[in-house]
C-alpha atoms as a PDB file:
ATOM      1  CA  MET A   1      -0.194  17.653 -16.553  1.00  0.00           C
ATOM      2  CA  ASN A   2      -0.199  13.927 -17.308  1.00  0.00           C
ATOM      3  CA  GLY A   3      -0.850  12.791 -13.751  1.00  0.00           C
ATOM      4  CA  VAL A   4       2.593  11.256 -13.194  1.00  0.00           C
ATOM      5  CA  LEU A   5       4.586  12.358 -10.143  1.00  0.00           C
ATOM      6  CA  ARG A   6       8.300  11.675  -9.777  1.00  0.00           C
ATOM      7  CA  ALA A   7      10.261  11.454  -6.554  1.00  0.00           C
ATOM      8  CA  ASP A   8      12.192  14.664  -5.886  1.00  0.00           C
ATOM      9  CA  TRP A   9      15.427  13.307  -4.415  1.00  0.00           C
ATOM     10  CA  PRO A  10      19.119  13.085  -5.373  1.00  0.00           C
ATOM     11  CA  ALA A  11      18.986   9.459  -6.494  1.00  0.00           C
ATOM     12  CA  PRO A  12      21.388   8.094  -9.127  1.00  0.00           C
ATOM     13  CA  ALA A  13      20.298   8.731 -12.709  1.00  0.00           C
ATOM     14  CA  HIS A  14      19.491   5.074 -13.353  1.00  0.00           C
ATOM     15  CA  VAL A  15      16.995   4.960 -10.463  1.00  0.00           C
ATOM     16  CA  HIS A  16      13.540   5.804 -11.815  1.00  0.00           C
ATOM     17  CA  THR A  17      10.244   6.522 -10.071  1.00  0.00           C
ATOM     18  CA  ALA A  18       6.619   7.068 -11.064  1.00  0.00           C
ATOM     19  CA  ILE A  19       3.718   7.830  -8.741  1.00  0.00           C
ATOM     20  CA  SER A  20       0.198   7.887 -10.121  1.00  0.00           C
ATOM     21  CA  THR A  21      -2.629  10.268  -9.318  1.00  0.00           C
ATOM     22  CA  ARG A  22      -6.317   9.654  -9.936  1.00  0.00           C
ATOM     23  CA  LEU A  23      -6.141  11.501 -13.266  1.00  0.00           C
ATOM     24  CA  ASN A  24      -6.365  10.257 -16.868  1.00  0.00           C
ATOM     25  CA  GLY A  25      -7.964   6.851 -16.417  1.00  0.00           C
ATOM     26  CA  CYS A  26     -11.165   5.177 -17.596  1.00  0.00           C
ATOM     27  CA  SER A  27     -12.850   4.087 -14.349  1.00  0.00           C
ATOM     28  CA  VAL A  28     -16.117   5.764 -13.358  1.00  0.00           C
ATOM     29  CA  ALA A  29     -17.294   7.050  -9.973  1.00  0.00           C
ATOM     30  CA  PRO A  30     -16.507   6.256  -7.216  1.00  0.00           C
ATOM     31  CA  TYR A  31     -13.241   5.084  -8.800  1.00  0.00           C
ATOM     32  CA  ALA A  32     -12.798   7.932 -11.257  1.00  0.00           C
ATOM     33  CA  SER A  33     -10.560   7.676 -12.989  1.00  0.00           C
ATOM     34  CA  LEU A  34      -7.102   6.004 -12.955  1.00  0.00           C
ATOM     35  CA  ASN A  35      -7.848   3.293 -10.395  1.00  0.00           C
ATOM     36  CA  LEU A  36      -5.035   0.732 -10.353  1.00  0.00           C
ATOM     37  CA  GLY A  37      -6.395  -1.438  -7.543  1.00  0.00           C
ATOM     38  CA  SER A  38      -7.972  -4.759  -8.522  1.00  0.00           C
ATOM     39  CA  HIS A  39      -9.327  -5.453  -5.018  1.00  0.00           C
ATOM     40  CA  VAL A  40     -11.761  -2.529  -4.567  1.00  0.00           C
ATOM     41  CA  ALA A  41     -14.781  -3.842  -6.554  1.00  0.00           C
ATOM     42  CA  ASP A  42     -14.071  -1.749  -9.641  1.00  0.00           C
ATOM     43  CA  ASP A  43     -14.792  -3.276 -13.069  1.00  0.00           C
ATOM     44  CA  PRO A  44     -11.785  -5.586 -13.657  1.00  0.00           C
ATOM     45  CA  VAL A  45     -11.773  -4.784 -17.373  1.00  0.00           C
ATOM     46  CA  LEU A  46     -11.396  -1.081 -16.615  1.00  0.00           C
ATOM     47  CA  VAL A  47      -8.716  -1.764 -14.008  1.00  0.00           C
ATOM     48  CA  GLN A  48      -6.704  -3.732 -16.542  1.00  0.00           C
ATOM     49  CA  GLN A  49      -7.090  -0.940 -19.089  1.00  0.00           C
ATOM     50  CA  ASN A  50      -5.932   1.546 -16.464  1.00  0.00           C
ATOM     51  CA  ARG A  51      -2.897  -0.591 -15.639  1.00  0.00           C
ATOM     52  CA  GLN A  52      -1.926  -0.848 -19.296  1.00  0.00           C
ATOM     53  CA  HIS A  53      -2.416   2.899 -19.725  1.00  0.00           C
ATOM     54  CA  TRP A  54      -0.356   3.604 -16.595  1.00  0.00           C
ATOM     55  CA  GLN A  55       2.512   1.532 -17.929  1.00  0.00           C
ATOM     56  CA  ARG A  56       2.578   3.661 -21.088  1.00  0.00           C
ATOM     57  CA  LEU A  57       1.891   6.973 -19.335  1.00  0.00           C
ATOM     58  CA  ALA A  58       4.682   6.518 -16.791  1.00  0.00           C
ATOM     59  CA  ALA A  59       7.087   4.969 -19.328  1.00  0.00           C
ATOM     60  CA  LEU A  60       7.523   1.883 -17.187  1.00  0.00           C
ATOM     61  CA  PRO A  61       9.984  -0.640 -18.653  1.00  0.00           C
ATOM     62  CA  ALA A  62       7.766  -3.610 -17.744  1.00  0.00           C
ATOM     63  CA  GLU A  63       4.540  -4.490 -15.976  1.00  0.00           C
ATOM     64  CA  PRO A  64       4.676  -3.640 -12.270  1.00  0.00           C
ATOM     65  CA  TYR A  65       4.857  -6.408  -9.699  1.00  0.00           C
ATOM     66  CA  TRP A  66       1.429  -6.040  -8.089  1.00  0.00           C
ATOM     67  CA  LEU A  67       1.338  -7.224  -4.462  1.00  0.00           C
ATOM     68  CA  ASN A  68      -1.507  -8.583  -2.365  1.00  0.00           C
ATOM     69  CA  GLN A  69      -1.174  -6.021   0.429  1.00  0.00           C
ATOM     70  CA  VAL A  70      -2.448  -6.970   3.887  1.00  0.00           C
ATOM     71  CA  HIS A  71      -0.926  -4.317   6.220  1.00  0.00           C
ATOM     72  CA  SER A  72       1.897  -6.706   7.104  1.00  0.00           C
ATOM     73  CA  THR A  73       5.643  -6.138   7.478  1.00  0.00           C
ATOM     74  CA  LEU A  74       6.552  -8.617   4.741  1.00  0.00           C
ATOM     75  CA  CYS A  75       9.032  -7.451   2.100  1.00  0.00           C
ATOM     76  CA  VAL A  76       9.450  -9.682  -0.944  1.00  0.00           C
ATOM     77  CA  ASP A  77      12.675  -9.887  -2.951  1.00  0.00           C
ATOM     78  CA  LEU A  78      11.514  -9.666  -6.557  1.00  0.00           C
ATOM     79  CA  THR A  79      14.641 -11.405  -7.824  1.00  0.00           C
ATOM     80  CA  GLN A  80      13.554 -14.586  -6.020  1.00  0.00           C
ATOM     81  CA  ALA A  81       9.752 -14.376  -5.822  1.00  0.00           C
ATOM     82  CA  ASP A  82       7.365 -16.428  -7.941  1.00  0.00           C
ATOM     83  CA  PHE A  83       4.486 -14.389  -9.354  1.00  0.00           C
ATOM     84  CA  SER A  84       3.389 -17.078 -11.829  1.00  0.00           C
ATOM     85  CA  ALA A  85       0.243 -17.840  -9.809  1.00  0.00           C
ATOM     86  CA  GLY A  86      -0.648 -14.172  -9.315  1.00  0.00           C
ATOM     87  CA  ALA A  87       0.106 -11.513  -6.735  1.00  0.00           C
ATOM     88  CA  VAL A  88       2.420 -12.386  -3.852  1.00  0.00           C
ATOM     89  CA  THR A  89       1.224 -11.423  -0.371  1.00  0.00           C
ATOM     90  CA  ALA A  90       3.539  -8.711   0.970  1.00  0.00           C
ATOM     91  CA  ASP A  91       3.531  -5.005   1.740  1.00  0.00           C
ATOM     92  CA  ALA A  92       6.919  -4.105   0.332  1.00  0.00           C
ATOM     93  CA  ALA A  93       9.118  -5.169  -2.565  1.00  0.00           C
ATOM     94  CA  PHE A  94      12.893  -5.033  -3.065  1.00  0.00           C
ATOM     95  CA  THR A  95      15.075  -5.684  -6.105  1.00  0.00           C
ATOM     96  CA  THR A  96      18.632  -5.424  -7.370  1.00  0.00           C
ATOM     97  CA  LYS A  97      17.684  -6.413 -10.910  1.00  0.00           C
ATOM     98  CA  ALA A  98      17.211  -3.859 -13.671  1.00  0.00           C
ATOM     99  CA  LEU A  99      13.747  -3.311 -15.171  1.00  0.00           C
ATOM    100  CA  GLN A 100      11.837  -4.930 -12.294  1.00  0.00           C
ATOM    101  CA  VAL A 101       9.203  -2.405 -11.215  1.00  0.00           C
ATOM    102  CA  ALA A 102       8.671  -2.568  -7.447  1.00  0.00           C
ATOM    103  CA  THR A 103       5.191  -1.207  -6.738  1.00  0.00           C
ATOM    104  CA  VAL A 104       2.799  -0.511  -3.870  1.00  0.00           C
ATOM    105  CA  LEU A 105      -0.793   0.728  -3.939  1.00  0.00           C
ATOM    106  CA  THR A 106      -2.173   3.341  -1.539  1.00  0.00           C
ATOM    107  CA  ALA A 107      -5.112   5.655  -0.850  1.00  0.00           C
ATOM    108  CA  ASP A 108      -4.124   7.435   2.433  1.00  0.00           C
ATOM    109  CA  CYS A 109      -1.453   4.981   3.615  1.00  0.00           C
ATOM    110  CA  LEU A 110       2.132   6.124   3.151  1.00  0.00           C
ATOM    111  CA  PRO A 111       4.156   4.862   0.179  1.00  0.00           C
ATOM    112  CA  VAL A 112       7.906   4.931   0.836  1.00  0.00           C
ATOM    113  CA  LEU A 113      10.463   4.487  -1.950  1.00  0.00           C
ATOM    114  CA  PHE A 114      14.067   3.478  -1.258  1.00  0.00           C
ATOM    115  CA  CYS A 115      17.342   3.300  -3.134  1.00  0.00           C
ATOM    116  CA  ASP A 116      20.994   3.087  -2.173  1.00  0.00           C
ATOM    117  CA  GLN A 117      23.504   5.779  -3.064  1.00  0.00           C
ATOM    118  CA  ALA A 118      25.229   3.538  -5.568  1.00  0.00           C
ATOM    119  CA  GLY A 119      21.973   2.770  -7.364  1.00  0.00           C
ATOM    120  CA  THR A 120      22.338  -0.988  -7.007  1.00  0.00           C
ATOM    121  CA  ALA A 121      19.063  -1.654  -5.161  1.00  0.00           C
ATOM    122  CA  VAL A 122      15.577  -0.179  -4.866  1.00  0.00           C
ATOM    123  CA  ALA A 123      12.450  -0.907  -2.853  1.00  0.00           C
ATOM    124  CA  ALA A 124       8.872   0.260  -2.326  1.00  0.00           C
ATOM    125  CA  ALA A 125       6.911  -0.089   0.927  1.00  0.00           C
ATOM    126  CA  HIS A 126       3.245   0.338   1.845  1.00  0.00           C
ATOM    127  CA  ALA A 127       3.079   1.872   5.314  1.00  0.00           C
ATOM    128  CA  GLY A 128      -0.346   2.272   6.821  1.00  0.00           C
ATOM    129  CA  TRP A 129      -0.284   3.012  10.523  1.00  0.00           C
ATOM    130  CA  ARG A 130      -0.313  -0.687  11.442  1.00  0.00           C
ATOM    131  CA  GLY A 131       2.513  -1.652   9.103  1.00  0.00           C
ATOM    132  CA  LEU A 132       4.499   1.430  10.042  1.00  0.00           C
ATOM    133  CA  CYS A 133       4.075   0.692  13.737  1.00  0.00           C
ATOM    134  CA  ASP A 134       4.894  -3.009  13.358  1.00  0.00           C
ATOM    135  CA  GLY A 135       8.068  -2.380  11.343  1.00  0.00           C
ATOM    136  CA  VAL A 136       7.462  -2.600   7.599  1.00  0.00           C
ATOM    137  CA  LEU A 137      10.076   0.082   6.939  1.00  0.00           C
ATOM    138  CA  GLU A 138      12.669  -1.721   9.051  1.00  0.00           C
ATOM    139  CA  GLN A 139      11.900  -5.040   7.346  1.00  0.00           C
ATOM    140  CA  THR A 140      12.384  -3.363   3.963  1.00  0.00           C
ATOM    141  CA  LEU A 141      15.652  -1.770   5.068  1.00  0.00           C
ATOM    142  CA  ALA A 142      16.883  -5.190   6.196  1.00  0.00           C
ATOM    143  CA  HIS A 143      17.433  -6.002   2.517  1.00  0.00           C
ATOM    144  CA  PHE A 144      20.010  -3.208   2.215  1.00  0.00           C
ATOM    145  CA  PRO A 145      23.535  -3.839   3.586  1.00  0.00           C
ATOM    146  CA  ASP A 146      24.052  -0.333   5.010  1.00  0.00           C
ATOM    147  CA  ASN A 147      21.124   1.885   6.039  1.00  0.00           C
ATOM    148  CA  SER A 148      23.367   4.942   6.193  1.00  0.00           C
ATOM    149  CA  GLU A 149      23.739   4.628   2.416  1.00  0.00           C
ATOM    150  CA  VAL A 150      19.975   4.485   1.803  1.00  0.00           C
ATOM    151  CA  LEU A 151      17.784   7.300   0.463  1.00  0.00           C
ATOM    152  CA  ALA A 152      14.066   7.295   1.314  1.00  0.00           C
ATOM    153  CA  TRP A 153      11.269   9.277  -0.306  1.00  0.00           C
ATOM    154  CA  LEU A 154       7.851   9.710   1.305  1.00  0.00           C
ATOM    155  CA  GLY A 155       4.976   9.776  -1.183  1.00  0.00           C
ATOM    156  CA  PRO A 156       1.359  10.977  -1.089  1.00  0.00           C
ATOM    157  CA  ALA A 157      -0.437  10.041   2.157  1.00  0.00           C
ATOM    158  CA  ILE A 158      -3.072  11.448   4.468  1.00  0.00           C
ATOM    159  CA  GLY A 159      -1.764  14.628   6.068  1.00  0.00           C
ATOM    160  CA  PRO A 160      -1.380  15.399   9.786  1.00  0.00           C
ATOM    161  CA  ALA A 161      -4.364  17.747   9.858  1.00  0.00           C
ATOM    162  CA  ALA A 162      -6.719  15.042   8.547  1.00  0.00           C
ATOM    163  CA  PHE A 163      -5.585  11.793  10.157  1.00  0.00           C
ATOM    164  CA  GLU A 164      -7.585  11.373  13.368  1.00  0.00           C
ATOM    165  CA  VAL A 165      -6.848   8.305  15.502  1.00  0.00           C
ATOM    166  CA  GLY A 166      -7.628   6.985  18.963  1.00  0.00           C
ATOM    167  CA  ASP A 167      -5.652   6.277  22.115  1.00  0.00           C
ATOM    168  CA  ASP A 168      -4.894   2.774  20.858  1.00  0.00           C
ATOM    169  CA  VAL A 169      -2.832   4.054  17.936  1.00  0.00           C
ATOM    170  CA  LEU A 170      -0.940   6.516  20.113  1.00  0.00           C
ATOM    171  CA  ALA A 171      -0.181   3.804  22.658  1.00  0.00           C
ATOM    172  CA  ALA A 172       0.952   1.336  19.997  1.00  0.00           C
ATOM    173  CA  PHE A 173       3.513   3.753  18.551  1.00  0.00           C
ATOM    174  CA  ILE A 174       4.824   4.938  21.923  1.00  0.00           C
ATOM    175  CA  ALA A 175       5.295   1.325  23.010  1.00  0.00           C
ATOM    176  CA  ARG A 176       7.628   0.831  20.043  1.00  0.00           C
ATOM    177  CA  GLN A 177       9.312   4.247  20.142  1.00  0.00           C
ATOM    178  CA  PRO A 178       8.690   6.751  22.969  1.00  0.00           C
ATOM    179  CA  GLN A 179       9.716   9.676  20.733  1.00  0.00           C
ATOM    180  CA  ALA A 180       6.664   8.956  18.559  1.00  0.00           C
ATOM    181  CA  GLU A 181       4.549  10.950  21.009  1.00  0.00           C
ATOM    182  CA  GLN A 182       5.747  14.150  19.331  1.00  0.00           C
ATOM    183  CA  ALA A 183       3.919  13.122  16.132  1.00  0.00           C
ATOM    184  CA  PHE A 184       0.507  13.222  17.840  1.00  0.00           C
ATOM    185  CA  LYS A 185      -1.596  16.271  18.694  1.00  0.00           C
ATOM    186  CA  ALA A 186      -4.715  16.126  20.854  1.00  0.00           C
ATOM    187  CA  VAL A 187      -7.990  16.941  19.073  1.00  0.00           C
ATOM    188  CA  ALA A 188      -9.729  19.793  20.865  1.00  0.00           C
ATOM    189  CA  GLY A 189     -13.045  18.771  22.392  1.00  0.00           C
ATOM    190  CA  LYS A 190     -12.536  15.067  21.670  1.00  0.00           C
ATOM    191  CA  SER A 191     -11.215  13.057  24.568  1.00  0.00           C
ATOM    192  CA  GLY A 192      -8.971  10.196  23.488  1.00  0.00           C
ATOM    193  CA  LYS A 193      -8.647  11.485  19.930  1.00  0.00           C
ATOM    194  CA  TRP A 194      -5.408  12.548  18.280  1.00  0.00           C
ATOM    195  CA  ARG A 195      -4.176  13.839  14.943  1.00  0.00           C
ATOM    196  CA  ALA A 196      -1.283  11.689  13.812  1.00  0.00           C
ATOM    197  CA  ASP A 197       1.496  12.755  11.451  1.00  0.00           C
ATOM    198  CA  LEU A 198       2.364   9.704   9.351  1.00  0.00           C
ATOM    199  CA  TYR A 199       5.242  11.566   7.733  1.00  0.00           C
ATOM    200  CA  GLN A 200       6.835  12.439  11.056  1.00  0.00           C
ATOM    201  CA  LEU A 201       6.279   8.929  12.386  1.00  0.00           C
ATOM    202  CA  ALA A 202       7.996   7.496   9.318  1.00  0.00           C
ATOM    203  CA  ARG A 203      10.909   9.917   9.601  1.00  0.00           C
ATOM    204  CA  LEU A 204      11.405   8.979  13.251  1.00  0.00           C
ATOM    205  CA  ARG A 205      11.487   5.272  12.435  1.00  0.00           C
ATOM    206  CA  LEU A 206      13.797   5.751   9.448  1.00  0.00           C
ATOM    207  CA  GLN A 207      16.176   7.928  11.449  1.00  0.00           C
ATOM    208  CA  ALA A 208      16.242   5.393  14.274  1.00  0.00           C
ATOM    209  CA  ALA A 209      17.145   2.734  11.697  1.00  0.00           C
ATOM    210  CA  GLY A 210      20.114   4.796  10.513  1.00  0.00           C
ATOM    211  CA  VAL A 211      18.666   6.392   7.373  1.00  0.00           C
ATOM    212  CA  ARG A 212      20.118   9.891   7.029  1.00  0.00           C
ATOM    213  CA  GLN A 213      18.671  11.002   3.697  1.00  0.00           C
ATOM    214  CA  ILE A 214      14.875  11.338   3.859  1.00  0.00           C
ATOM    215  CA  TYR A 215      12.909  13.309   1.274  1.00  0.00           C
ATOM    216  CA  GLY A 216       9.312  13.953   0.228  1.00  0.00           C
ATOM    217  CA  GLY A 217       6.281  14.361   2.444  1.00  0.00           C
ATOM    218  CA  GLY A 218       3.998  17.355   2.547  1.00  0.00           C
ATOM    219  CA  PHE A 219       1.164  15.812   0.537  1.00  0.00           C
ATOM    220  CA  CYS A 220      -2.364  15.185   1.809  1.00  0.00           C
ATOM    221  CA  THR A 221      -4.479  12.640  -0.018  1.00  0.00           C
ATOM    222  CA  TYR A 222      -7.513  13.519   2.114  1.00  0.00           C
ATOM    223  CA  THR A 223      -7.670  17.230   1.262  1.00  0.00           C
ATOM    224  CA  ASP A 224      -6.322  17.097  -2.308  1.00  0.00           C
ATOM    225  CA  GLU A 225      -9.434  15.469  -3.754  1.00  0.00           C
ATOM    226  CA  SER A 226      -8.737  16.528  -7.340  1.00  0.00           C
ATOM    227  CA  ARG A 227      -5.450  14.586  -7.493  1.00  0.00           C
ATOM    228  CA  PHE A 228      -5.625  11.763  -4.974  1.00  0.00           C
ATOM    229  CA  TYR A 229      -7.807   8.909  -3.815  1.00  0.00           C
ATOM    230  CA  SER A 230      -8.569   8.827  -0.085  1.00  0.00           C
ATOM    231  CA  TYR A 231     -10.141   5.843   1.638  1.00  0.00           C
ATOM    232  CA  ARG A 232     -10.830   7.825   4.791  1.00  0.00           C
ATOM    233  CA  ARG A 233     -12.556  10.586   2.839  1.00  0.00           C
ATOM    234  CA  ASP A 234     -14.575   8.480   0.409  1.00  0.00           C
ATOM    235  CA  GLY A 235     -14.696   4.897   1.687  1.00  0.00           C
ATOM    236  CA  GLN A 236     -15.224   3.090  -1.585  1.00  0.00           C
ATOM    237  CA  THR A 237     -12.536   4.469  -3.870  1.00  0.00           C
ATOM    238  CA  GLY A 238      -9.574   3.677  -6.099  1.00  0.00           C
ATOM    239  CA  ARG A 239      -5.873   3.159  -5.463  1.00  0.00           C
ATOM    240  CA  MET A 240      -2.721   4.934  -6.653  1.00  0.00           C
ATOM    241  CA  ALA A 241       0.601   3.261  -7.493  1.00  0.00           C
ATOM    242  CA  SER A 242       4.101   4.203  -6.378  1.00  0.00           C
ATOM    243  CA  CYS A 243       6.703   2.549  -8.603  1.00  0.00           C
ATOM    244  CA  ILE A 244      10.503   2.372  -8.581  1.00  0.00           C
ATOM    245  CA  TRP A 245      12.985   0.533 -10.810  1.00  0.00           C
ATOM    246  CA  LEU A 246      16.566   0.401 -12.037  1.00  0.00           C
ATOM    247  CA  SER A 247      17.645   0.816 -15.656  1.00  0.00           C
END
């Protein structure tokens, strides 16, 4: 196994994906080993080596567009953005241009990849609970002309058995979408504590936005320590990349 995951969805043949694991890099603990995040206090030389290795390992056609992610709802159009001064602040990226690698970094938050049925546009979104609640998926979908023609794939994130949150998170989601309550389960013996299902929350929001084809899910970055980084499990740790592009 080379540590490269691919989205399992019926996308057009010229839509390509690559999702990294923590395997086959050169970073040392607590970032061992394929850390692709430059903002987590890892040795920048090792991060750059990892990024170059990832590009070869995943057969990316070009260097990914690395974002400065801030748990926002901003989605940048890569065909118009200026990365000459470094990373652009956004939590999602969209493109209609071939060989532009839209990329988000995660380590428990939910990466969501998008394409249209015709294979003319792709996008990647970083959906932590705040961004998901505030509408990062909807802001990403706004770049597509018809949400009913969009496919979405849910990548590796913290699973519903491991993601414990408080009343504030529950209330925030219900305020936006009352049906979100079904994605929360009370934690026995802990008043005001809930286990949240990020995958179900994302599906509910995507369905409400008109997306009919939703795939993926079922991972858990927290429990699958051998393959995935988890911020909630480890605190100081690396980041994984979810990439999508057109050929």
